[in-house]
Amino acid sequence: MSRTDDAYGIMQKIYLAGMRAGDDKHQIARNIDRAYPWGERTRWPYKAWLKARRQFFTVHGLPGLRRTKEIARVDPSPYTPASMLS
């Protein structure tokens, strides 16, 4: 199992416990955020947590996701051949 899988499993347990307890989605999201298990929030363990969190929150409709940055469209160089622009 990867860290991402472990993180998703932790979130699933918290989600199910919150649903059984009658918590609202905001409280469940807070409980998931407080459950980070790997100490300091840095490097790969934290990135794995955030990856699992984004997927989990999207699937379960939980609040608290920030919008991802869009990749800016760059205007083509004046030296770009016309055949590459279409």
Protein backbone atom coordinates (compact mmCIF):
# COMPACT_ATOMS: atom_id res chain seq x y z
CA MET A 1 0.00 0.00 0.00
CA SER A 2 1.17 3.50 -0.78
CA ARG A 3 0.92 6.54 1.45
CA THR A 4 -1.84 7.84 -0.77
CA ASP A 5 -3.80 4.62 -0.24
CA ASP A 6 -3.16 4.81 3.52
CA ALA A 7 -4.33 8.43 3.60
CA TYR A 8 -7.49 7.61 1.67
CA GLY A 9 -8.24 4.76 4.08
CA ILE A 10 -7.83 7.05 7.09
CA MET A 11 -10.18 9.57 5.53
CA GLN A 12 -12.71 6.84 4.76
CA LYS A 13 -12.77 5.71 8.42
CA ILE A 14 -13.25 9.28 9.64
CA TYR A 15 -15.96 9.93 7.07
CA LEU A 16 -17.91 6.81 8.03
CA ALA A 17 -17.59 7.56 11.75
CA GLY A 18 -18.80 11.12 11.15
CA MET A 19 -21.77 9.95 9.09
CA ARG A 20 -22.75 7.46 11.81
CA ALA A 21 -22.47 10.21 14.44
CA GLY A 22 -24.63 12.56 12.37
CA ASP A 23 -21.89 15.14 11.77
CA ASP A 24 -22.38 17.61 8.94
CA LYS A 25 -19.97 17.70 6.01
CA HIS A 26 -18.08 20.71 7.38
CA GLN A 27 -17.36 18.89 10.66
CA ILE A 28 -16.28 15.74 8.82
CA ALA A 29 -13.92 17.81 6.65
CA ARG A 30 -12.42 19.43 9.77
CA ASN A 31 -11.97 16.04 11.41
CA ILE A 32 -10.21 14.71 8.31
CA ASP A 33 -7.88 17.72 8.22
CA ARG A 34 -7.01 17.22 11.89
CA ALA A 35 -6.23 13.52 11.35
CA TYR A 36 -3.00 13.98 9.37
CA PRO A 37 -0.91 11.09 10.73
CA TRP A 38 2.69 11.71 9.63
CA GLY A 39 3.90 14.54 11.84
CA GLU A 40 5.17 17.64 10.09
CA ARG A 41 3.25 18.55 6.95
CA THR A 42 6.13 18.52 4.49
CA ARG A 43 7.52 16.61 1.54
CA TRP A 44 6.12 13.44 -0.02
CA PRO A 45 3.94 12.27 2.92
CA TYR A 46 2.07 15.59 2.89
CA LYS A 47 1.82 15.62 -0.91
CA ALA A 48 0.36 12.10 -0.77
CA TRP A 49 -2.14 13.28 1.87
CA LEU A 50 -3.18 16.24 -0.27
CA LYS A 51 -3.53 14.07 -3.36
CA ALA A 52 -5.79 11.65 -1.49
CA ARG A 53 -7.67 14.55 0.14
CA ARG A 54 -8.47 16.21 -3.19
CA GLN A 55 -9.81 12.95 -4.59
CA PHE A 56 -11.71 12.02 -1.41
CA PHE A 57 -13.30 15.45 -0.96
CA THR A 58 -14.35 15.52 -4.63
CA VAL A 59 -15.89 12.04 -4.52
CA HIS A 60 -17.74 12.66 -1.25
CA GLY A 61 -18.74 16.28 -1.90
CA LEU A 62 -16.93 17.66 1.12
CA PRO A 63 -16.25 21.40 1.43
CA GLY A 64 -12.83 22.96 1.70
CA LEU A 65 -11.16 22.36 -1.64
CA ARG A 66 -9.33 25.27 -3.16
CA ARG A 67 -9.51 25.83 -6.86
CA THR A 68 -6.53 24.58 -8.76
CA LYS A 69 -4.55 27.12 -10.69
CA GLU A 70 -5.26 27.11 -14.37
CA ILE A 71 -2.40 26.85 -16.75
CA ALA A 72 -2.06 30.22 -18.42
CA ARG A 73 -2.36 30.28 -22.14
CA VAL A 74 0.75 31.81 -23.59
CA ASP A 75 0.51 33.80 -26.78
CA PRO A 76 2.52 32.20 -29.56
CA SER A 77 5.86 33.62 -30.46
CA PRO A 78 5.90 35.86 -33.52
CA TYR A 79 8.38 33.34 -34.92
CA THR A 80 5.95 30.40 -34.70
CA PRO A 81 5.13 29.07 -38.17
CA ALA A 82 1.48 29.54 -39.14
CA SER A 83 1.13 25.79 -39.72
CA MET A 84 1.72 25.15 -36.01
CA LEU A 85 -0.95 27.60 -34.83
CA SER A 86 -3.99 25.68 -36.06
